[in-house]
């Protein structure tokens, strides 16, 4: 960059492009931290004579109050000198740390999520179609290095885009995030600030070795500059190539994602198994990740967990658990269902899709196939606490009784409450007697599956098929007293 005029031209071109995208002149919200990058950005934008320019400063409360107070005063003074409306938003102390713990992410990531949420809210509040942040070319390189060291895919290694949509379109109109300084190196920004004699705030956290970005900037970048002088251009070129390749993969992913069917409640999903298994592994992992993001509402998911789940299904597993969901192969479908295993006062519920051991509180359930043996063709020939293969379908819900439960047996519906009473089951034990249910209703009532209580009763749903195959055994252990 040869002069400050180049800086102004680059910023002006970026803003003009975004204004054309959102379809109106004005309505720009600038994220202003008081540091050198955002101060230079605000100075350039103010010099362009743009209408409806607003400023937002977010207080993260991660630094000493004295430092923050001085920073706020500097920000107020500069916005006053520029005659620009300023809004200061304060994040409640401890909120960032709480979010980081709750989502299993770092402090930097949690602060970024909250900051962007505030930027989006304020932009919509004031009718701003563009939000500007001051990320520069050095930030981009540091981001790429951090993502590479942290194991990222092409989505991460293509770097930050110069602009993108901020938030969901369906939740309140189009807001664009713009990074006008992304192609400008920090050295040029520092030169501009020096020439204009701009006053800037010094963020003490930038010197802390706790944050990954600071470690990269202070320790890794100087070594690369000294030992590999061409690394910056090489990394930028790699990111560009990955971005181009990514467009192709994004198209294929979007096509596959359109074949997923989500339930009306948005809590479960399914798709044709042949479609899922017909994708290359990289696309299967990305497809599952996007699906789980929608189901769980979590933006950051473990790539390793997604990959292992995909591989398990590809290698023949009929079910696997992932993020409180169970992936089940049933016929020609891959179903993704919420795991409802729980044990609480007054009831329990377990979901199984094949052999399994499930635990929740004091309850423990063991499900397994027994060895095929010769059996007489009668329901009573089925082994104790076991279901004849073919008499039910997976997944099975194994749960405590609910009011109005019935089982079809002997050609008529039997009320479960009456059945337990006829069996002489003690009142305190009736809540533990498991009911086995599939998509067609209650399959069995298995009082004899409760180990240690000595009950020998069971009742199966009417079934006229063969009984010489395997049996699915169910055993319940728990604190019954």
Protein backbone atom coordinates (compact mmCIF):
# COMPACT_ATOMS: atom_id res chain seq x y z
CA UNK A 1 0.00 0.00 0.00
CA UNK A 2 1.56 3.23 -1.16
CA UNK A 3 -0.52 5.93 0.59
CA UNK A 4 -3.47 6.72 2.79
CA UNK A 5 -5.43 7.28 -0.43
CA UNK A 6 -5.08 3.54 -1.17
CA UNK A 7 -6.54 2.77 2.24
CA UNK A 8 -9.52 5.04 1.60
CA UNK A 9 -10.06 3.58 -1.88
CA UNK A 10 -10.06 -0.04 -0.65
CA UNK A 11 -12.50 0.72 2.18
CA UNK A 12 -14.76 2.74 -0.11
CA UNK A 13 -14.90 -0.07 -2.69
CA UNK A 14 -15.78 -2.63 -0.02
CA UNK A 15 -18.54 -0.45 1.44
CA UNK A 16 -19.97 0.45 -1.95
CA UNK A 17 -20.22 -3.24 -2.84
CA UNK A 18 -22.09 -4.00 0.39
CA UNK A 19 -24.43 -1.03 -0.03
CA UNK A 20 -25.35 -2.36 -3.45
CA UNK A 21 -25.97 -5.79 -1.87
CA UNK A 22 -28.39 -4.57 0.81
CA UNK A 23 -30.12 -2.21 -1.61
CA UNK A 24 -30.05 1.14 0.18
CA UNK A 25 -27.63 3.95 0.95
CA UNK A 26 -26.68 4.31 4.60
CA UNK A 27 -27.41 2.27 7.68
CA UNK A 28 -23.87 1.23 8.69
CA UNK A 29 -22.97 0.08 12.20
CA UNK A 30 -19.26 0.15 13.05
CA UNK A 31 -17.83 -2.12 15.75
CA UNK A 32 -15.41 0.19 17.59
CA UNK A 33 -13.15 -1.25 20.29
CA UNK A 34 -10.88 1.79 20.63
CA UNK A 35 -7.87 -0.19 19.37
CA UNK A 36 -5.77 0.88 16.42
CA UNK A 37 -7.57 -1.22 13.78
CA UNK A 38 -11.12 -0.10 14.59
CA UNK A 39 -9.99 3.51 15.14
CA UNK A 40 -8.48 3.64 11.65
CA UNK A 41 -11.58 2.01 10.16
CA UNK A 42 -13.87 4.51 11.86
CA UNK A 43 -11.68 7.42 10.74
CA UNK A 44 -11.79 6.30 7.11
CA UNK A 45 -15.53 5.63 7.13
CA UNK A 46 -16.27 8.99 8.73
CA UNK A 47 -14.16 10.67 6.03
CA UNK A 48 -16.27 9.10 3.28
CA UNK A 49 -19.24 11.22 4.31
CA UNK A 50 -21.59 8.23 4.65
CA UNK A 51 -25.06 8.89 5.97
CA UNK A 52 -26.58 6.97 8.89
CA UNK A 53 -23.21 5.91 10.30
CA UNK A 54 -23.51 4.57 13.85
CA UNK A 55 -20.94 3.26 16.34
CA UNK A 56 -21.20 0.37 18.79
CA UNK A 57 -18.70 -0.39 21.54
CA UNK A 58 -18.97 -3.70 23.41
CA UNK A 59 -17.55 -3.96 26.93
CA UNK A 60 -16.57 -7.59 27.54
CA UNK A 61 -15.59 -7.11 31.20
CA UNK A 62 -12.49 -9.27 30.87
CA UNK A 63 -10.02 -6.54 31.83
CA UNK A 64 -9.46 -4.26 34.87
CA UNK A 65 -12.22 -1.69 35.38
CA UNK A 66 -9.76 1.22 35.44
CA UNK A 67 -8.50 0.28 31.97
CA UNK A 68 -12.05 -0.13 30.68
CA UNK A 69 -13.12 3.26 32.07
CA UNK A 70 -10.25 5.04 30.31
CA UNK A 71 -11.11 3.21 27.09
CA UNK A 72 -14.77 4.20 27.27
CA UNK A 73 -13.84 7.85 27.78
CA UNK A 74 -11.51 7.82 24.77
CA UNK A 75 -14.28 6.27 22.67
CA UNK A 76 -16.85 8.83 23.80
CA UNK A 77 -14.45 11.67 23.04
CA UNK A 78 -13.62 10.46 19.54
CA UNK A 79 -17.22 9.73 18.56
CA UNK A 80 -18.14 13.16 19.90
CA UNK A 81 -15.43 14.78 17.77
CA UNK A 82 -16.72 12.93 14.70
CA UNK A 83 -20.34 13.76 15.64
CA UNK A 84 -21.36 10.11 15.36
CA UNK A 85 -24.04 8.43 17.52
CA UNK A 86 -22.49 5.96 19.96
CA UNK A 87 -24.01 3.02 21.79
CA UNK A 88 -22.07 1.23 24.54
CA UNK A 89 -23.24 -2.33 25.29
CA UNK A 90 -21.93 -4.06 28.41
CA UNK A 91 -21.72 -7.83 28.80
CA UNK A 92 -22.54 -8.89 32.35
CA UNK A 93 -19.40 -9.95 34.27
CA UNK A 94 -18.98 -13.71 34.22
CA UNK A 95 -21.28 -14.24 31.23
CA UNK A 96 -18.45 -14.99 28.83
CA UNK A 97 -16.81 -17.48 31.18
CA UNK A 98 -20.18 -19.16 31.79
CA UNK A 99 -20.85 -19.47 28.06
CA UNK A 100 -17.36 -20.90 27.48
CA UNK A 101 -17.88 -23.57 30.15
CA UNK A 102 -21.39 -24.41 29.01
CA UNK A 103 -20.45 -24.85 25.34
CA UNK A 104 -17.00 -26.32 25.88
CA UNK A 105 -15.27 -23.52 23.96
CA UNK A 106 -12.51 -21.01 24.72
CA UNK A 107 -12.95 -17.54 26.20
CA UNK A 108 -12.12 -15.92 22.84
CA UNK A 109 -14.79 -17.94 21.03
CA UNK A 110 -17.41 -17.29 23.71
CA UNK A 111 -16.68 -13.55 23.68
CA UNK A 112 -16.93 -13.52 19.88
CA UNK A 113 -20.31 -15.27 19.92
CA UNK A 114 -21.76 -12.81 22.41
CA UNK A 115 -20.25 -9.82 20.59
CA UNK A 116 -21.70 -10.80 17.22
CA UNK A 117 -25.07 -11.42 18.84
CA UNK A 118 -25.03 -7.87 20.21
CA UNK A 119 -23.91 -6.43 16.86
CA UNK A 120 -26.77 -8.18 15.06
CA UNK A 121 -29.34 -7.07 17.63
CA UNK A 122 -28.22 -3.45 17.50
CA UNK A 123 -28.06 -3.42 13.71
CA UNK A 124 -31.67 -4.58 13.51
CA UNK A 125 -32.73 -2.17 16.22
CA UNK A 126 -31.42 0.85 14.30
CA UNK A 127 -32.19 -0.43 10.80
CA UNK A 128 -28.58 -0.89 9.77
CA UNK A 129 -28.03 -3.26 6.85
CA UNK A 130 -24.25 -3.39 7.25
CA UNK A 131 -22.04 -4.17 10.25
CA UNK A 132 -18.34 -3.29 9.82
CA UNK A 133 -15.52 -4.88 11.79
CA UNK A 134 -11.81 -4.04 11.57
CA UNK A 135 -10.18 -7.41 10.89
CA UNK A 136 -7.02 -6.95 8.83
CA UNK A 137 -4.71 -9.12 6.72
CA UNK A 138 -2.55 -10.05 9.72
CA UNK A 139 -5.67 -11.15 11.62
CA UNK A 140 -6.54 -13.34 8.65
CA UNK A 141 -3.16 -15.05 8.66
CA UNK A 142 -3.24 -15.54 12.42
CA UNK A 143 -6.70 -17.06 12.10
CA UNK A 144 -5.51 -19.46 9.41
CA UNK A 145 -2.52 -20.53 11.48
CA UNK A 146 -4.71 -21.07 14.54
CA UNK A 147 -7.20 -23.17 12.61
CA UNK A 148 -4.45 -25.22 10.99
CA UNK A 149 -2.86 -25.95 14.37
CA UNK A 150 -6.27 -26.79 15.81
CA UNK A 151 -7.15 -29.24 12.99
CA UNK A 152 -9.62 -27.65 10.63
CA UNK A 153 -11.29 -28.52 7.33
CA UNK A 154 -11.49 -26.52 4.13
CA UNK A 155 -14.27 -24.40 5.65
CA UNK A 156 -11.87 -23.12 8.29
CA UNK A 157 -8.71 -23.00 6.22
CA UNK A 158 -10.23 -20.79 3.55
CA UNK A 159 -10.18 -18.06 6.18
CA UNK A 160 -12.55 -15.24 7.06
CA UNK A 161 -14.64 -13.95 4.14
CA UNK A 162 -14.54 -10.24 3.31
CA UNK A 163 -18.30 -10.20 3.76
CA UNK A 164 -21.14 -12.54 4.67
CA UNK A 165 -24.69 -12.56 5.93
CA UNK A 166 -24.96 -12.00 9.67
CA UNK A 167 -27.70 -13.98 11.40
CA UNK A 168 -30.68 -15.75 9.89
CA UNK A 169 -32.61 -14.02 7.12
CA UNK A 170 -35.92 -15.39 8.35
CA UNK A 171 -35.45 -13.83 11.80
CA UNK A 172 -35.39 -10.22 10.77
CA UNK A 173 -34.18 -9.10 7.38
CA UNK A 174 -30.77 -9.04 5.77
CA UNK A 175 -27.75 -7.78 7.70
CA UNK A 176 -24.33 -7.98 6.06
CA UNK A 177 -21.04 -8.32 7.95
CA UNK A 178 -18.29 -6.44 6.13
CA UNK A 179 -14.52 -6.47 6.79
CA UNK A 180 -13.16 -3.58 4.70
CA UNK A 181 -9.59 -3.85 6.06
CA UNK A 182 -9.18 -7.58 5.49
CA UNK A 183 -6.69 -7.17 2.64
CA UNK A 184 -4.66 -4.47 4.43
CA UNK A 185 -1.61 -5.45 6.53
CA UNK A 186 -1.25 -4.24 10.10
CA UNK A 187 1.88 -2.29 9.17
CA UNK A 188 -0.14 -0.11 6.77
CA UNK A 189 -2.80 0.46 9.42
CA UNK A 190 -0.16 1.51 11.94
CA UNK A 191 1.38 3.89 9.40
CA UNK A 192 -2.02 5.47 8.70
CA UNK A 193 -2.74 5.92 12.42
CA UNK A 194 0.67 7.54 12.94
CA UNK A 195 0.20 9.90 10.00
CA UNK A 196 -3.25 10.96 11.25
CA UNK A 197 -2.04 11.14 14.89
CA UNK A 198 -4.96 9.03 16.03
CA UNK A 199 -5.36 8.28 19.73
CA UNK A 200 -5.96 4.60 20.43
CA UNK A 201 -6.64 2.38 23.42
CA UNK A 202 -4.14 -0.26 24.51
CA UNK A 203 -5.73 -3.62 25.35
CA UNK A 204 -3.65 -5.30 28.07
CA UNK A 205 -5.14 -8.71 27.21
CA UNK A 206 -3.28 -8.59 23.86
CA UNK A 207 -0.09 -9.38 25.79
CA UNK A 208 -1.55 -12.32 27.69
CA UNK A 209 -0.09 -15.71 26.64
CA UNK A 210 -3.36 -17.37 27.72
CA UNK A 211 -4.99 -16.69 24.35
CA UNK A 212 -3.98 -18.68 21.28
CA UNK A 213 -4.04 -15.67 18.95
CA UNK A 214 -1.56 -13.85 21.17
CA UNK A 215 0.77 -16.85 21.21
CA UNK A 216 0.70 -17.00 17.41
CA UNK A 217 1.33 -13.29 17.06
CA UNK A 218 4.10 -13.06 19.68
CA UNK A 219 5.95 -16.34 19.17
CA UNK A 220 5.09 -18.09 15.91
CA UNK A 221 4.80 -15.23 13.41
CA UNK A 222 8.28 -13.74 14.19
CA UNK A 223 9.87 -17.17 13.56
CA UNK A 224 8.01 -17.58 10.26
CA UNK A 225 8.98 -14.07 9.17
CA UNK A 226 12.62 -14.81 9.92
CA UNK A 227 12.92 -18.36 8.61
CA UNK A 228 10.24 -18.46 5.87
CA UNK A 229 9.93 -14.96 4.38
CA UNK A 230 7.40 -16.04 1.74
CA UNK A 231 4.99 -17.74 4.11
CA UNK A 232 2.36 -14.99 4.03
CA UNK A 233 1.78 -15.15 0.28
CA UNK A 234 1.92 -18.94 0.34
CA UNK A 235 -0.73 -19.17 3.06
CA UNK A 236 -2.95 -16.64 1.30
CA UNK A 237 -2.67 -18.64 -1.95
CA UNK A 238 -3.55 -21.89 -0.15
CA UNK A 239 -6.60 -20.27 1.42
CA UNK A 240 -7.73 -19.03 -1.98
CA UNK A 241 -7.46 -22.49 -3.53
CA UNK A 242 -9.34 -24.07 -0.66
CA UNK A 243 -12.09 -21.50 -1.03
CA UNK A 244 -12.48 -22.40 -4.72
CA UNK A 245 -12.59 -26.13 -3.95
CA UNK A 246 -14.99 -25.43 -1.13
CA UNK A 247 -17.59 -23.97 -3.48
CA UNK A 248 -17.88 -27.34 -5.22
CA UNK A 249 -18.17 -29.26 -1.96
CA UNK A 250 -20.69 -26.74 -0.61
CA UNK A 251 -22.91 -27.36 -3.63
CA UNK A 252 -22.83 -31.13 -3.18
CA UNK A 253 -23.48 -30.75 0.53
CA UNK A 254 -26.48 -28.49 -0.06
CA UNK A 255 -27.94 -31.04 -2.48
CA UNK A 256 -27.56 -33.88 0.03
CA UNK A 257 -28.89 -31.77 2.91
CA UNK A 258 -32.07 -31.16 0.93
CA UNK A 259 -32.81 -34.89 1.12
CA UNK A 260 -32.98 -34.94 4.92
CA UNK A 261 -36.50 -34.97 6.36
CA UNK A 262 -36.90 -33.19 9.70
CA UNK A 263 -39.88 -33.81 11.96
CA UNK A 264 -42.40 -31.04 12.55
CA UNK A 265 -41.06 -30.61 16.07
CA UNK A 266 -37.52 -30.25 14.73
CA UNK A 267 -36.24 -32.81 17.26
CA UNK A 268 -35.61 -35.73 14.92
CA UNK A 269 -34.59 -36.39 11.32
CA UNK A 270 -34.32 -39.17 8.77
CA UNK A 271 -33.01 -39.82 5.27
CA UNK A 272 -32.65 -42.70 2.88
CA UNK A 273 -29.80 -44.94 3.99
CA UNK A 274 -28.53 -45.51 0.44
CA UNK A 275 -28.24 -41.74 -0.08
CA UNK A 276 -26.21 -41.32 3.10
CA UNK A 277 -23.90 -44.30 2.52
CA UNK A 278 -23.52 -43.37 -1.16
CA UNK A 279 -21.67 -40.17 -0.25
CA UNK A 280 -17.88 -39.97 0.17
CA UNK A 281 -16.85 -40.03 3.82
CA UNK A 282 -15.93 -36.33 3.86
CA UNK A 283 -19.43 -35.38 2.70
CA UNK A 284 -21.09 -37.84 5.10
CA UNK A 285 -19.28 -36.20 8.00
CA UNK A 286 -20.23 -32.70 6.85
CA UNK A 287 -23.83 -33.71 6.22
CA UNK A 288 -24.17 -35.29 9.66
CA UNK A 289 -22.53 -32.24 11.23
CA UNK A 290 -24.95 -29.82 9.61
CA UNK A 291 -27.90 -32.01 10.56
CA UNK A 292 -26.74 -32.25 14.20
CA UNK A 293 -26.17 -28.51 14.33
CA UNK A 294 -29.81 -27.98 13.43
CA UNK A 295 -31.10 -30.60 15.86
CA UNK A 296 -28.93 -29.55 18.82
CA UNK A 297 -28.65 -25.82 18.16
CA UNK A 298 -24.89 -26.05 18.67
CA UNK A 299 -22.64 -24.35 16.14
CA UNK A 300 -19.40 -26.09 17.14
CA UNK A 301 -19.30 -29.88 17.03
CA UNK A 302 -16.46 -32.36 17.29
CA UNK A 303 -15.26 -33.47 13.86
CA UNK A 304 -13.83 -36.61 15.40
CA UNK A 305 -17.18 -37.55 16.96
CA UNK A 306 -18.99 -36.98 13.66
CA UNK A 307 -16.44 -39.03 11.72
CA UNK A 308 -16.53 -41.94 14.18
CA UNK A 309 -20.33 -42.06 14.02
CA UNK A 310 -20.25 -42.11 10.22
CA UNK A 311 -17.63 -44.85 10.18
CA UNK A 312 -19.57 -46.97 12.66
CA UNK A 313 -22.64 -46.88 10.43
CA UNK A 314 -20.58 -47.51 7.30
CA UNK A 315 -18.97 -50.59 8.89
CA UNK A 316 -22.33 -52.17 9.67
CA UNK A 317 -23.38 -50.85 13.08
CA UNK A 318 -27.17 -50.72 13.41
CA UNK A 319 -27.07 -47.85 15.89
CA UNK A 320 -24.73 -45.43 17.64
CA UNK A 321 -25.12 -42.57 20.11
CA UNK A 322 -24.09 -39.00 19.37
CA UNK A 323 -24.74 -35.83 21.39
CA UNK A 324 -27.80 -37.14 23.22
CA UNK A 325 -29.14 -38.53 19.94
CA UNK A 326 -29.28 -42.08 18.64
CA UNK A 327 -28.54 -42.85 14.99
CA UNK A 328 -30.53 -45.93 14.03
CA UNK A 329 -30.61 -47.93 10.80
CA UNK A 330 -34.12 -49.23 10.30
CA UNK A 331 -34.93 -50.84 6.97
CA UNK A 332 -34.05 -48.36 4.24
CA UNK A 333 -33.85 -45.34 6.54
CA UNK A 334 -31.25 -43.71 8.74
CA UNK A 335 -33.12 -42.19 11.66
CA UNK A 336 -31.71 -39.63 14.10
CA UNK A 337 -33.79 -39.70 17.28
CA UNK A 338 -33.36 -37.92 20.62
CA UNK A 339 -32.20 -40.16 23.44
CA UNK A 340 -34.88 -40.08 26.07
CA UNK A 341 -33.14 -42.33 28.59
CA UNK A 342 -33.95 -41.00 32.04
CA UNK A 343 -34.82 -42.14 35.51
CA UNK A 344 -36.83 -39.87 37.75
CA UNK A 345 -39.34 -40.14 40.53
CA UNK A 346 -42.49 -41.65 39.10
CA UNK A 347 -41.09 -43.10 35.88
CA UNK A 348 -38.31 -44.10 33.53
CA UNK A 349 -37.75 -44.37 29.79
CA UNK A 350 -35.03 -46.12 27.79
CA UNK A 351 -34.69 -46.26 24.02
CA UNK A 352 -32.82 -49.21 22.47
CA UNK A 353 -32.15 -50.19 18.87
CA UNK A 354 -30.24 -53.44 19.40
CA UNK A 355 -28.09 -55.11 22.03
CA UNK A 356 -27.27 -52.51 24.64
CA UNK A 357 -26.61 -51.66 28.26
CA UNK A 358 -28.31 -48.46 29.38
CA UNK A 359 -27.96 -46.68 32.71
CA UNK A 360 -29.85 -43.77 34.18
CA UNK A 361 -29.73 -43.06 37.89
CA UNK A 362 -30.28 -46.29 39.83
CA UNK A 363 -31.77 -48.08 36.81
CA UNK A 364 -29.73 -50.34 34.55
CA UNK A 365 -31.09 -52.28 31.59
CA UNK A 366 -29.39 -55.14 29.74
CA UNK A 367 -30.70 -56.10 26.29
CA UNK A 368 -29.23 -58.93 24.22
CA UNK A 369 -30.11 -61.67 21.74
CA UNK A 370 -30.08 -65.23 23.07
CA UNK A 371 -28.91 -68.17 20.98
CA UNK A 372 -31.53 -69.66 18.63
CA UNK A 373 -33.10 -72.74 20.15
CA UNK A 374 -35.92 -75.04 19.19
CA UNK A 375 -39.18 -73.67 20.57
CA UNK A 376 -42.77 -74.80 20.40
CA UNK A 377 -45.07 -72.64 18.31
CA UNK A 378 -46.74 -70.84 21.19
CA UNK A 379 -46.27 -67.50 22.84
CA UNK A 380 -45.60 -69.11 26.22
CA UNK A 381 -42.62 -70.95 24.69
CA UNK A 382 -40.77 -67.65 24.41
CA UNK A 383 -38.05 -67.44 27.05
CA UNK A 384 -38.68 -65.41 30.20
CA UNK A 385 -38.30 -61.62 29.69
CA UNK A 386 -37.63 -62.11 25.99
CA UNK A 387 -39.31 -61.04 22.76
CA UNK A 388 -39.56 -63.36 19.78
CA UNK A 389 -37.68 -62.13 16.74
CA UNK A 390 -40.22 -60.84 14.25
CA UNK A 391 -42.82 -59.93 16.89
CA UNK A 392 -41.60 -56.34 17.20
CA UNK A 393 -39.61 -53.65 15.40
CA UNK A 394 -36.76 -51.41 16.50
CA UNK A 395 -36.35 -48.94 18.08
CA UNK A 396 -37.93 -50.15 21.31
CA UNK A 397 -39.01 -47.91 24.15
CA UNK A 398 -38.67 -49.59 27.53
CA UNK A 399 -40.55 -47.55 30.07
CA UNK A 400 -42.69 -47.42 33.17
CA UNK A 401 -46.47 -47.40 32.88
CA UNK A 402 -48.63 -44.39 32.09
CA UNK A 403 -52.35 -43.86 32.74
CA UNK A 404 -54.49 -45.60 30.13
CA UNK A 405 -51.80 -48.03 28.91
CA UNK A 406 -53.19 -51.18 27.27
CA UNK A 407 -51.78 -54.25 25.55
CA UNK A 408 -53.52 -56.29 22.81
CA UNK A 409 -53.58 -59.85 24.13
CA UNK A 410 -56.01 -62.72 23.53
CA UNK A 411 -57.83 -60.72 20.89
CA UNK A 412 -58.73 -57.86 23.21
CA UNK A 413 -57.13 -54.83 24.85
CA UNK A 414 -56.02 -55.40 28.46
CA UNK A 415 -55.45 -52.46 30.78
CA UNK A 416 -51.98 -52.59 32.28
CA UNK A 417 -53.19 -51.43 35.70
CA UNK A 418 -55.65 -54.32 35.89
CA UNK A 419 -53.00 -56.77 34.70
CA UNK A 420 -50.55 -55.74 37.43
CA UNK A 421 -53.32 -55.99 40.02
CA UNK A 422 -54.27 -59.50 38.85
CA UNK A 423 -50.63 -60.53 39.13
CA UNK A 424 -50.46 -59.34 42.72
CA UNK A 425 -47.63 -56.88 42.06
CA UNK A 426 -47.08 -54.76 45.16
CA UNK A 427 -48.02 -51.13 44.72
CA UNK A 428 -44.50 -49.86 45.41
CA UNK A 429 -43.12 -52.15 42.67
CA UNK A 430 -45.66 -51.41 39.94
CA UNK A 431 -43.78 -48.27 38.81
CA UNK A 432 -40.74 -50.44 38.05
CA UNK A 433 -42.44 -53.07 35.88
CA UNK A 434 -41.16 -52.41 32.34
CA UNK A 435 -43.46 -51.93 29.38
CA UNK A 436 -41.84 -52.61 26.00
CA UNK A 437 -43.24 -50.52 23.17
CA UNK A 438 -42.54 -50.21 19.46
CA UNK A 439 -44.11 -48.00 16.80
CA UNK A 440 -47.26 -50.19 16.78
CA UNK A 441 -47.93 -50.09 20.51
CA UNK A 442 -47.01 -52.06 23.63
CA UNK A 443 -45.23 -55.30 22.78
CA UNK A 444 -44.83 -56.81 26.25
CA UNK A 445 -45.21 -56.30 29.99
CA UNK A 446 -42.25 -57.97 31.71
CA UNK A 447 -42.59 -58.14 35.47
CA UNK A 448 -40.19 -61.10 35.47
CA UNK A 449 -37.39 -58.91 34.07
CA UNK A 450 -37.00 -57.15 37.43
CA UNK A 451 -34.12 -59.04 38.96
CA UNK A 452 -34.26 -59.73 42.68
CA UNK A 453 -38.00 -59.30 43.19
CA UNK A 454 -39.15 -62.82 42.31
CA UNK A 455 -42.04 -61.89 40.05
CA UNK A 456 -42.59 -64.50 37.32
CA UNK A 457 -45.30 -62.86 35.24
CA UNK A 458 -45.12 -61.50 31.72
CA UNK A 459 -47.58 -60.74 28.94
CA UNK A 460 -46.88 -60.44 25.20
CA UNK A 461 -48.81 -58.72 22.46
CA UNK A 462 -50.74 -61.05 20.11
CA UNK A 463 -48.37 -62.48 17.53
CA UNK A 464 -49.01 -65.32 15.05
CA UNK A 465 -45.59 -65.55 13.44
CA UNK A 466 -42.87 -68.22 13.92
CA UNK A 467 -41.19 -68.55 17.31
CA UNK A 468 -38.18 -70.70 16.41
CA UNK A 469 -35.72 -67.86 15.82
CA UNK A 470 -33.79 -65.74 18.27
CA UNK A 471 -35.27 -64.02 21.29
CA UNK A 472 -34.46 -60.52 22.51
CA UNK A 473 -33.80 -60.71 26.26
CA UNK A 474 -34.45 -57.75 28.56
CA UNK A 475 -33.19 -57.58 32.15
CA UNK A 476 -33.71 -54.66 34.57
CA UNK A 477 -31.58 -53.95 37.61
CA UNK A 478 -32.19 -51.12 40.04
CA UNK A 479 -33.06 -49.87 43.49
CA UNK A 480 -36.59 -51.10 44.00
CA UNK A 481 -36.93 -50.40 47.72
